[in-house]
Amino acid sequence: MTSSSPPPLSDAFRAVWRWHFFAGLIVLPFLMLMALTGGLYLYKAEIEGLAYGRMAAVEVGETRVSADQWQSAAEQAVGGTAAAVVVPDRPDRAVQVRVRTDQGERTAFVDPYTGTVAGTVGGQGLMEVVKKLHSLELFGKPFNILVEIVAGWAIILVATGLFLWWPRRGRDVAVALPRPGDPARRPFWRNAHAVTGLYAGGIILFLALTGMPWSAVWGDKFLNVMRESGLGRPPAPAAASPWSHGKDHNAPSGTGWTMEHAVLHVPTEGPGILSRVIATADAGGMGLPYTVSIPADPSLAFTVSRVTRQAEDARSLYVDGMTGQVVADLRWDQFGTGARAFEWGIAVHQGMQYGEINRLIMLLGCIGIWVLGISGGLMAWKRRPRGSGLSAPPKPTDPRARAAVLGIVVPLGIVFPLTGLSLLAALGLEAAWRRLRPRN
C-alpha cells in the first residue's frame, strides 16, 4: 500500500522558505506602513478637500488683485518669506503660498480676488506629513535609507514567493483561485496568502522598482548618472548659464524627478517681481495649476512648473524675475529616454497616469500588501509549536541548498547596494546565531 502523503520538502525549498519567512518578518511592517500611507496619498486631492475645504474655497470675483499682494498678505500673516505659490486651476479656489519661517514652512490660503488670508497650515499640509511618513523622512533623513532596503527586500519577497508558489511534482497544485475554508485553520490563510501574492505580486514589484528614485543612496546616484549621461535633464538652453544644483531654499518645487533641484542663473540683481513672472507664465500658455518657485538667491531664475497628472504634460519655465524674459522652456519632448521612463513610472506609481483605473490598481496593490502581511503573520502564528512563540520554517539539511536563495538575492544585492549590504548583515547574523546558540 502506497502512502498518499506528499514527498518531503527539498532542501532548496526549505532554504527559500526560511529566507522568505525572515524577509517578511523584518520588511512587512515597513511595507504595510508604506502601503497605508501610499494608499492615502492616492486620494490626496479628496483628503485635502475635506481637511481644508473652507480655507480653500473662495467666492469668485470680477478681478484679481496682483500676485505681489498675495505674496505680501501671506508673508505678513505667517511672518516669513514666500518660497512658492500654487496657482489653482479653478476660479473658486484659493491661491496657496508657502512661506519660510525660522520654525519651518507654513502654507497660507489667500483669496486671489481680495488678497485676504483665510487660514494657514503647517508645512505643506496634512498630505505632506503622509508623504514624509511614506518615505520614512518623518523619522529623520537617515531613515530614508530604509526605503531602498525595504524596496529591495520587497522584490526578494516577490521572487521567493513565486518560487514557493510554483507547482512541484507530487505536491499540491499551485493555488490560483480562492478556496473555501475555515479561517481558524492555517490552510485558509496559506491559500489567501498565495492567491493574493500571485495577483498583487506584479503590482508590488512595480511599486518597489518605481519607488527607488526616492531612496537616499541609489536614487541620488542614479539621478546623477541620468543627468550626466544626457538621458535625464535636458541640455542647457542657448545663451543661458549652465544648469546648477540648487541647495536648501533654492531648489524649485514641482519640477518632477528629472529636474529636481535644477536651477538656472540669470544676469540680474535685486529681488524679482512675482506678478511679472505669473504674467509671463500665463502669456506663455502654461497650463493650470502650476507652482511658482521663488528663489532665495536673487541671481537665480524663477521656476514655473505645471502640476501634472500625466508625465507627458510636464513643463517648466525658467523666468528672469526682473525682465519677465523666459530663460528656458522645458517640455516632455526635451527629456531624455531615461527621464521619460522614470517620470512615467512615478506618475503610474502615484496613480495618475491612466486615470481612475490606474489609481484603483495601485490601491489594490496597497491592500494586497496588508492582506499578505496579515495572512503571513497568521500562518506563522498557527504553525508555531504549541506553547511557544513564532518558529522559523525548517532549515535545509544540506548547506549547499543556500545557493537557491543566493541565486535570487545576490543579483538584486548588486543592483541595489544597500539591499546587498543588508543581505551580508543577515548572513552574518545567521552565522553568528549558529555559533552562539546552545547545542543539545
Protein backbone atom coordinates (compact mmCIF):
# COMPACT_ATOMS: atom_id res chain seq x y z
CA MET A 1 0.00 0.00 0.00
CA THR A 2 1.48 3.33 -1.05
CA SER A 3 1.40 6.41 1.14
CA SER A 4 -0.69 9.37 -0.01
CA SER A 5 1.42 11.89 1.88
CA PRO A 6 3.36 14.36 -0.24
CA PRO A 7 7.09 13.91 -0.69
CA PRO A 8 9.38 15.67 1.76
CA LEU A 9 10.37 19.26 1.10
CA SER A 10 13.54 19.70 -0.91
CA ASP A 11 16.48 21.48 0.67
CA ALA A 12 16.19 24.26 -1.92
CA PHE A 13 12.54 24.78 -0.98
CA ARG A 14 13.40 24.84 2.72
CA ALA A 15 16.17 27.41 2.15
CA VAL A 16 13.95 29.73 0.10
CA TRP A 17 11.09 29.32 2.57
CA ARG A 18 13.29 30.35 5.51
CA TRP A 19 14.54 33.45 3.72
CA HIS A 20 11.03 34.34 2.61
CA PHE A 21 9.89 34.00 6.23
CA PHE A 22 12.67 36.12 7.72
CA ALA A 23 12.46 38.76 4.96
CA GLY A 24 8.72 39.08 5.53
CA LEU A 25 9.13 39.23 9.30
CA ILE A 26 11.57 42.15 9.02
CA VAL A 27 10.25 44.03 6.00
CA LEU A 28 6.47 43.61 6.00
CA PRO A 29 5.86 46.02 8.91
CA PHE A 30 7.60 48.78 6.92
CA LEU A 31 5.86 47.73 3.72
CA MET A 32 2.49 47.84 5.46
CA LEU A 33 3.21 51.37 6.73
CA MET A 34 4.26 52.47 3.25
CA ALA A 35 1.19 50.79 1.73
CA LEU A 36 -1.12 52.56 4.17
CA THR A 37 0.41 55.99 3.56
CA GLY A 38 0.71 55.34 -0.17
CA GLY A 39 -2.96 54.37 -0.34
CA LEU A 40 -3.88 57.59 1.44
CA TYR A 41 -1.69 59.65 -0.88
CA LEU A 42 -3.54 58.25 -3.90
CA TYR A 43 -6.50 60.28 -2.66
CA LYS A 44 -4.52 63.42 -1.86
CA ALA A 45 -6.93 65.83 -3.59
CA GLU A 46 -10.00 64.36 -1.91
CA ILE A 47 -8.43 64.30 1.56
CA GLU A 48 -7.14 67.86 1.25
CA GLY A 49 -10.57 68.94 0.07
CA LEU A 50 -12.11 67.55 3.26
CA ALA A 51 -9.38 68.94 5.51
CA TYR A 52 -9.04 72.43 4.02
CA GLY A 53 -12.32 72.92 2.13
CA ARG A 54 -13.31 76.07 4.00
CA MET A 55 -9.92 77.74 3.63
CA ALA A 56 -9.51 76.68 0.01
CA ALA A 57 -12.95 77.80 -1.22
CA VAL A 58 -13.38 81.45 -2.27
CA GLU A 59 -16.16 83.50 -3.83
CA VAL A 60 -15.45 84.27 -7.47
CA GLY A 61 -14.93 87.99 -8.06
CA GLU A 62 -14.69 90.17 -11.15
CA THR A 63 -10.96 90.88 -10.98
CA ARG A 64 -7.99 89.54 -9.09
CA VAL A 65 -5.56 91.61 -7.07
CA SER A 66 -1.91 91.47 -8.08
CA ALA A 67 0.17 88.41 -7.29
CA ASP A 68 2.50 90.63 -5.28
CA GLN A 69 -0.42 91.32 -2.92
CA TRP A 70 -0.91 87.55 -2.50
CA GLN A 71 2.73 87.25 -1.54
CA SER A 72 2.67 90.26 0.80
CA ALA A 73 -0.52 89.12 2.57
CA ALA A 74 0.87 85.61 3.14
CA GLU A 75 4.22 86.89 4.41
CA GLN A 76 2.52 89.24 6.87
CA ALA A 77 0.11 86.58 8.11
CA VAL A 78 2.80 83.97 8.68
CA GLY A 79 5.77 86.18 9.45
CA GLY A 80 8.30 84.91 6.96
CA THR A 81 9.43 84.93 3.32
CA ALA A 82 7.44 83.43 0.47
CA ALA A 83 9.07 80.37 -1.13
CA ALA A 84 6.44 79.21 -3.62
CA VAL A 85 2.97 80.00 -4.91
CA VAL A 86 0.50 77.44 -6.24
CA VAL A 87 -1.94 79.00 -8.72
CA PRO A 88 -5.13 76.86 -8.83
CA ASP A 89 -6.98 75.60 -11.90
CA ARG A 90 -10.40 76.63 -10.59
CA PRO A 91 -11.63 80.24 -10.15
CA ASP A 92 -13.32 79.36 -6.84
CA ARG A 93 -10.12 78.10 -5.20
CA ALA A 94 -7.59 80.00 -3.07
CA VAL A 95 -4.00 80.57 -4.03
CA GLN A 96 -1.61 78.65 -1.77
CA VAL A 97 1.54 80.49 -0.72
CA ARG A 98 4.30 78.57 1.05
CA VAL A 99 6.20 80.80 3.48
CA ARG A 100 9.57 80.08 5.10
CA THR A 101 9.99 80.97 8.78
CA ASP A 102 12.63 80.28 11.40
CA GLN A 103 10.42 77.47 12.70
CA GLY A 104 9.89 75.90 9.27
CA GLU A 105 7.38 76.36 6.45
CA ARG A 106 3.69 77.25 6.63
CA THR A 107 1.18 77.40 3.80
CA ALA A 108 -1.26 80.32 3.61
CA PHE A 109 -4.55 80.15 1.71
CA VAL A 110 -5.02 83.53 0.02
CA ASP A 111 -8.19 84.78 -1.68
CA PRO A 112 -6.92 85.84 -5.15
CA TYR A 113 -9.70 88.43 -5.54
CA THR A 114 -9.30 90.25 -2.22
CA GLY A 115 -5.78 89.34 -1.10
CA THR A 116 -7.02 88.24 2.33
CA VAL A 117 -5.66 85.14 4.09
CA ALA A 118 -8.34 82.60 5.01
CA GLY A 119 -6.03 80.46 7.13
CA THR A 120 -2.67 78.73 7.36
CA VAL A 121 -1.42 75.18 7.90
CA GLY A 122 1.96 73.83 8.95
CA GLY A 123 4.38 72.85 6.20
CA GLN A 124 2.59 71.90 3.01
CA GLY A 125 -0.34 70.46 4.89
CA LEU A 126 -1.58 67.10 6.07
CA MET A 127 -0.64 65.16 2.94
CA GLU A 128 2.94 66.38 3.13
CA VAL A 129 3.14 64.62 6.51
CA VAL A 130 1.69 61.49 4.90
CA LYS A 131 4.25 61.76 2.09
CA LYS A 132 7.16 62.11 4.52
CA LEU A 133 5.83 59.18 6.52
CA HIS A 134 5.64 57.17 3.30
CA SER A 135 9.29 57.91 2.52
CA LEU A 136 10.21 57.49 6.22
CA GLU A 137 11.72 61.01 6.20
CA LEU A 138 9.39 61.96 9.05
CA PHE A 139 11.62 59.94 11.38
CA GLY A 140 14.73 61.75 10.14
CA LYS A 141 16.70 61.89 6.90
CA PRO A 142 18.78 58.77 7.70
CA PHE A 143 15.60 56.68 7.82
CA ASN A 144 15.07 57.41 4.13
CA ILE A 145 17.89 54.91 3.58
CA LEU A 146 15.44 52.21 4.66
CA VAL A 147 13.33 52.93 1.57
CA GLU A 148 15.96 51.32 -0.66
CA ILE A 149 16.44 48.39 1.71
CA VAL A 150 12.70 47.79 2.07
CA ALA A 151 12.09 48.13 -1.68
CA GLY A 152 14.95 45.73 -2.43
CA TRP A 153 13.67 43.15 0.02
CA ALA A 154 10.14 43.58 -1.32
CA ILE A 155 11.50 42.45 -4.69
CA ILE A 156 13.14 39.50 -2.95
CA LEU A 157 9.84 38.64 -1.25
CA VAL A 158 8.05 38.61 -4.61
CA ALA A 159 10.77 36.46 -6.24
CA THR A 160 10.99 33.93 -3.39
CA GLY A 161 7.20 33.89 -3.07
CA LEU A 162 6.86 32.97 -6.75
CA PHE A 163 9.44 30.20 -6.23
CA LEU A 164 7.43 28.80 -3.32
CA TRP A 165 4.12 29.08 -5.22
CA TRP A 166 5.36 27.27 -8.33
CA PRO A 167 3.81 23.75 -8.65
CA ARG A 168 6.05 20.75 -7.97
CA ARG A 169 5.71 17.10 -8.84
CA GLY A 170 3.93 15.13 -6.16
CA ARG A 171 2.77 18.19 -4.20
CA ASP A 172 -0.38 20.30 -4.25
CA VAL A 173 -1.21 22.19 -7.44
CA ALA A 174 -0.33 25.86 -7.12
CA VAL A 175 -3.24 27.92 -5.82
CA ALA A 176 -4.58 30.34 -8.44
CA LEU A 177 -8.13 30.90 -7.14
CA PRO A 178 -9.53 31.45 -3.63
CA ARG A 179 -10.62 28.27 -1.89
CA PRO A 180 -13.31 27.95 0.76
CA GLY A 181 -12.03 27.01 4.17
CA ASP A 182 -12.07 27.58 7.89
CA PRO A 183 -10.36 30.86 8.92
CA ALA A 184 -9.41 29.15 12.18
CA ARG A 185 -7.15 26.77 10.27
CA ARG A 186 -3.78 27.52 8.66
CA PRO A 187 -4.64 26.24 5.11
CA PHE A 188 -7.24 29.01 4.72
CA TRP A 189 -4.62 31.73 5.33
CA ARG A 190 -2.00 29.89 3.27
CA ASN A 191 -4.36 29.90 0.29
CA ALA A 192 -5.29 33.56 0.87
CA HIS A 193 -1.58 34.44 1.07
CA ALA A 194 -0.76 32.52 -2.11
CA VAL A 195 -3.62 33.90 -4.21
CA THR A 196 -3.03 37.48 -3.06
CA GLY A 197 0.70 37.21 -3.72
CA LEU A 198 0.10 35.75 -7.18
CA TYR A 199 -2.08 38.63 -8.36
CA ALA A 200 -0.68 41.50 -6.29
CA GLY A 201 2.96 40.49 -6.70
CA GLY A 202 3.36 42.25 -10.03
CA ILE A 203 1.93 45.49 -8.63
CA ILE A 204 4.17 45.25 -5.56
CA LEU A 205 7.19 44.64 -7.79
CA PHE A 206 6.30 47.70 -9.88
CA LEU A 207 5.78 49.88 -6.79
CA ALA A 208 9.13 48.77 -5.36
CA LEU A 209 11.06 49.48 -8.57
CA THR A 210 9.41 52.84 -9.26
CA GLY A 211 9.86 53.85 -5.62
CA MET A 212 13.64 53.54 -5.89
CA PRO A 213 14.15 57.11 -7.26
CA TRP A 214 13.09 58.41 -3.82
CA SER A 215 15.72 56.37 -1.98
CA ALA A 216 18.59 58.26 -0.36
CA VAL A 217 21.51 56.36 -1.89
CA TRP A 218 20.50 54.51 -5.06
CA GLY A 219 18.05 57.24 -6.09
CA ASP A 220 20.56 60.07 -5.77
CA LYS A 221 23.34 58.14 -7.51
CA PHE A 222 21.13 57.04 -10.38
CA LEU A 223 19.69 60.53 -10.75
CA ASN A 224 23.20 61.97 -11.13
CA VAL A 225 24.12 59.34 -13.72
CA MET A 226 20.98 60.16 -15.70
CA ARG A 227 21.77 63.87 -15.64
CA GLU A 228 25.40 63.49 -16.61
CA SER A 229 24.74 60.97 -19.37
CA GLY A 230 22.18 63.15 -21.14
CA LEU A 231 19.43 60.58 -20.61
CA GLY A 232 17.80 62.73 -17.94
CA ARG A 233 17.99 66.52 -17.59
CA PRO A 234 17.62 68.45 -20.88
CA PRO A 235 20.72 70.34 -22.09
CA ALA A 236 21.13 73.96 -21.05
CA PRO A 237 19.41 76.36 -23.48
CA ALA A 238 21.39 78.68 -25.72
CA ALA A 239 22.56 81.94 -24.13
CA ALA A 240 21.82 80.64 -20.64
CA SER A 241 24.16 79.78 -17.81
CA PRO A 242 24.69 76.05 -17.34
CA TRP A 243 22.37 74.17 -15.03
CA SER A 244 23.45 74.03 -11.42
CA HIS A 245 22.19 72.10 -8.43
CA GLY A 246 20.05 74.23 -6.12
CA LYS A 247 20.57 73.69 -2.40
CA ASP A 248 18.41 74.44 0.62
CA HIS A 249 15.89 77.18 -0.16
CA ASN A 250 16.79 77.49 -3.84
CA ALA A 251 15.56 74.09 -5.03
CA PRO A 252 12.46 74.59 -7.21
CA SER A 253 9.18 72.81 -6.44
CA GLY A 254 7.07 70.67 -8.74
CA THR A 255 9.64 70.22 -11.49
CA GLY A 256 9.46 66.44 -11.40
CA TRP A 257 12.11 63.83 -10.76
CA THR A 258 14.35 64.73 -13.70
CA MET A 259 14.66 68.46 -12.98
CA GLU A 260 14.59 68.22 -9.20
CA HIS A 261 16.96 70.85 -7.70
CA ALA A 262 17.87 72.13 -11.21
CA VAL A 263 18.33 75.91 -11.22
CA LEU A 264 19.45 78.50 -13.78
CA HIS A 265 21.39 81.68 -13.09
CA VAL A 266 20.24 84.95 -14.66
CA PRO A 267 22.26 88.17 -15.09
CA THR A 268 20.18 90.29 -12.73
CA GLU A 269 20.46 91.83 -9.32
CA GLY A 270 17.81 92.50 -6.71
CA PRO A 271 14.51 90.80 -5.97
CA GLY A 272 12.22 89.50 -8.72
CA ILE A 273 8.59 90.51 -9.23
CA LEU A 274 6.04 87.75 -8.78
CA SER A 275 3.34 89.47 -10.83
CA ARG A 276 5.68 89.76 -13.80
CA VAL A 277 6.62 86.09 -13.60
CA ILE A 278 2.98 84.96 -13.43
CA ALA A 279 2.07 87.23 -16.35
CA THR A 280 4.87 85.62 -18.36
CA ALA A 281 3.61 82.13 -17.46
CA ASP A 282 0.02 82.98 -18.42
CA ALA A 283 1.09 84.62 -21.67
CA GLY A 284 3.19 81.56 -22.49
CA GLY A 285 0.21 79.25 -22.17
CA MET A 286 1.36 77.48 -19.00
CA GLY A 287 -1.47 75.13 -18.08
CA LEU A 288 -3.13 75.40 -14.69
CA PRO A 289 -2.50 74.55 -11.94
CA TYR A 290 1.15 75.49 -11.69
CA THR A 291 3.71 76.23 -9.00
CA VAL A 292 5.95 79.31 -8.99
CA SER A 293 9.15 78.73 -7.01
CA ILE A 294 10.60 81.96 -5.63
CA PRO A 295 14.39 81.64 -5.27
CA ALA A 296 16.09 82.88 -2.12
CA ASP A 297 19.12 83.72 -4.25
CA PRO A 298 18.17 86.78 -6.39
CA SER A 299 20.61 85.72 -9.12
CA LEU A 300 18.51 82.63 -9.87
CA ALA A 301 15.58 82.43 -12.25
CA PHE A 302 12.06 81.85 -11.01
CA THR A 303 10.79 78.35 -11.85
CA VAL A 304 7.20 77.86 -13.02
CA SER A 305 6.22 74.19 -13.12
CA ARG A 306 2.93 72.76 -14.22
CA VAL A 307 1.23 70.49 -11.68
CA THR A 308 0.60 67.49 -13.91
CA ARG A 309 -1.23 64.19 -13.73
CA GLN A 310 0.27 62.63 -16.85
CA ALA A 311 4.02 62.57 -17.30
CA GLU A 312 3.92 63.86 -20.89
CA ASP A 313 2.21 67.07 -19.74
CA ALA A 314 5.32 68.12 -17.81
CA ARG A 315 6.50 71.65 -18.50
CA SER A 316 8.79 74.07 -16.65
CA LEU A 317 9.55 77.71 -17.39
CA TYR A 318 12.64 79.46 -16.03
CA VAL A 319 11.86 83.19 -15.91
CA ASP A 320 14.03 86.22 -15.19
CA GLY A 321 12.04 87.99 -12.49
CA MET A 322 13.36 91.44 -13.30
CA THR A 323 12.55 91.41 -17.01
CA GLY A 324 9.96 88.66 -17.36
CA GLN A 325 12.14 87.05 -20.03
CA VAL A 326 11.85 83.28 -20.43
CA VAL A 327 15.34 81.85 -19.94
CA ALA A 328 14.28 78.25 -20.66
CA ASP A 329 11.05 76.49 -21.63
CA LEU A 330 11.34 72.76 -20.96
CA ARG A 331 8.80 70.26 -22.22
CA TRP A 332 8.37 66.50 -22.38
CA ASP A 333 9.95 66.12 -25.82
CA GLN A 334 13.23 67.53 -24.46
CA PHE A 335 13.53 64.88 -21.76
CA GLY A 336 16.00 62.04 -22.24
CA THR A 337 14.87 58.43 -22.61
CA GLY A 338 15.74 57.55 -19.05
CA ALA A 339 14.00 60.61 -17.65
CA ARG A 340 10.84 59.79 -19.59
CA ALA A 341 10.84 56.24 -18.26
CA PHE A 342 11.23 57.35 -14.67
CA GLU A 343 8.78 60.24 -14.87
CA TRP A 344 6.24 57.83 -16.40
CA GLY A 345 6.94 55.28 -13.66
CA ILE A 346 6.42 57.84 -10.92
CA ALA A 347 3.15 59.07 -12.47
CA VAL A 348 1.86 55.49 -12.58
CA HIS A 349 3.20 54.86 -9.06
CA GLN A 350 1.12 57.80 -7.82
CA GLY A 351 -1.98 56.52 -9.62
CA MET A 352 -2.28 59.46 -12.03
CA GLN A 353 -1.05 58.44 -15.47
CA TYR A 354 -4.09 56.46 -16.65
CA GLY A 355 -6.91 57.96 -14.64
CA GLU A 356 -9.13 56.20 -12.15
CA ILE A 357 -8.24 52.66 -13.29
CA ASN A 358 -4.58 53.45 -12.57
CA ARG A 359 -5.44 54.67 -9.08
CA LEU A 360 -7.58 51.62 -8.32
CA ILE A 361 -4.85 49.19 -9.42
CA MET A 362 -2.29 50.92 -7.19
CA LEU A 363 -4.82 50.87 -4.34
CA LEU A 364 -5.32 47.12 -4.84
CA GLY A 365 -1.55 46.70 -4.58
CA CYS A 366 -1.57 48.58 -1.26
CA ILE A 367 -4.46 46.45 0.02
CA GLY A 368 -2.66 43.33 -1.19
CA ILE A 369 0.38 44.16 0.94
CA TRP A 370 -1.85 44.32 4.02
CA VAL A 371 -3.54 41.03 3.16
CA LEU A 372 -0.12 39.43 2.67
CA GLY A 373 1.16 40.83 5.96
CA ILE A 374 -1.88 39.72 7.96
CA SER A 375 -2.16 36.29 6.34
CA GLY A 376 1.59 35.70 6.61
CA GLY A 377 1.57 36.59 10.29
CA LEU A 378 -1.41 34.33 10.99
CA MET A 379 0.18 31.47 9.06
CA ALA A 380 3.36 31.75 11.12
CA TRP A 381 1.38 32.00 14.35
CA LYS A 382 -0.76 28.96 13.58
CA ARG A 383 2.20 26.76 12.59
CA ARG A 384 4.19 27.51 15.74
CA PRO A 385 4.74 24.67 18.21
CA ARG A 386 2.12 24.75 20.96
CA GLY A 387 3.13 26.91 23.88
CA SER A 388 5.96 28.71 22.09
CA GLY A 389 6.46 31.83 20.05
CA LEU A 390 6.98 32.10 16.32
CA SER A 391 9.26 29.46 14.85
CA ALA A 392 11.12 29.63 11.56
CA PRO A 393 10.50 27.11 8.78
CA PRO A 394 12.77 24.03 8.90
CA LYS A 395 16.30 24.69 7.76
CA PRO A 396 17.81 22.68 4.91
CA THR A 397 19.91 19.66 5.82
CA ASP A 398 22.43 20.45 3.08
CA PRO A 399 24.14 23.87 3.49
CA ARG A 400 24.71 23.98 -0.26
CA ALA A 401 20.96 24.49 -0.70
CA ARG A 402 21.54 28.12 0.25
CA ALA A 403 22.65 28.63 -3.35
CA ALA A 404 18.96 28.58 -4.36
CA VAL A 405 18.42 31.70 -2.26
CA LEU A 406 21.66 33.40 -3.21
CA GLY A 407 20.82 32.93 -6.88
CA ILE A 408 17.76 35.10 -6.30
CA VAL A 409 19.08 37.74 -3.92
CA VAL A 410 22.71 38.28 -4.97
CA PRO A 411 21.87 39.87 -8.37
CA LEU A 412 19.45 42.21 -6.60
CA GLY A 413 22.10 42.99 -4.00
CA ILE A 414 24.48 44.05 -6.75
CA VAL A 415 21.95 46.31 -8.46
CA PHE A 416 20.76 47.81 -5.15
CA PRO A 417 23.85 48.18 -2.91
CA LEU A 418 22.05 48.87 0.37
CA THR A 419 19.96 45.75 -0.14
CA GLY A 420 23.20 43.86 -0.75
CA LEU A 421 24.73 45.21 2.46
CA SER A 422 21.63 44.22 4.41
CA LEU A 423 21.91 40.74 2.87
CA LEU A 424 25.51 40.45 4.10
CA ALA A 425 24.39 41.60 7.54
CA ALA A 426 21.64 38.96 7.54
CA LEU A 427 24.12 36.24 6.55
CA GLY A 428 26.49 37.38 9.29
CA LEU A 429 23.76 37.33 11.92
CA GLU A 430 22.68 33.87 10.81
CA ALA A 431 26.25 32.58 11.06
CA ALA A 432 26.70 34.18 14.49
CA TRP A 433 23.45 32.66 15.71
CA ARG A 434 24.52 29.18 14.60
CA ARG A 435 27.77 29.52 16.53
CA LEU A 436 26.36 31.08 19.71
CA ARG A 437 23.16 29.13 20.19
CA PRO A 438 23.30 26.37 22.79
CA ARG A 439 23.75 22.85 21.45
CA ASN A 440 21.72 19.99 22.83
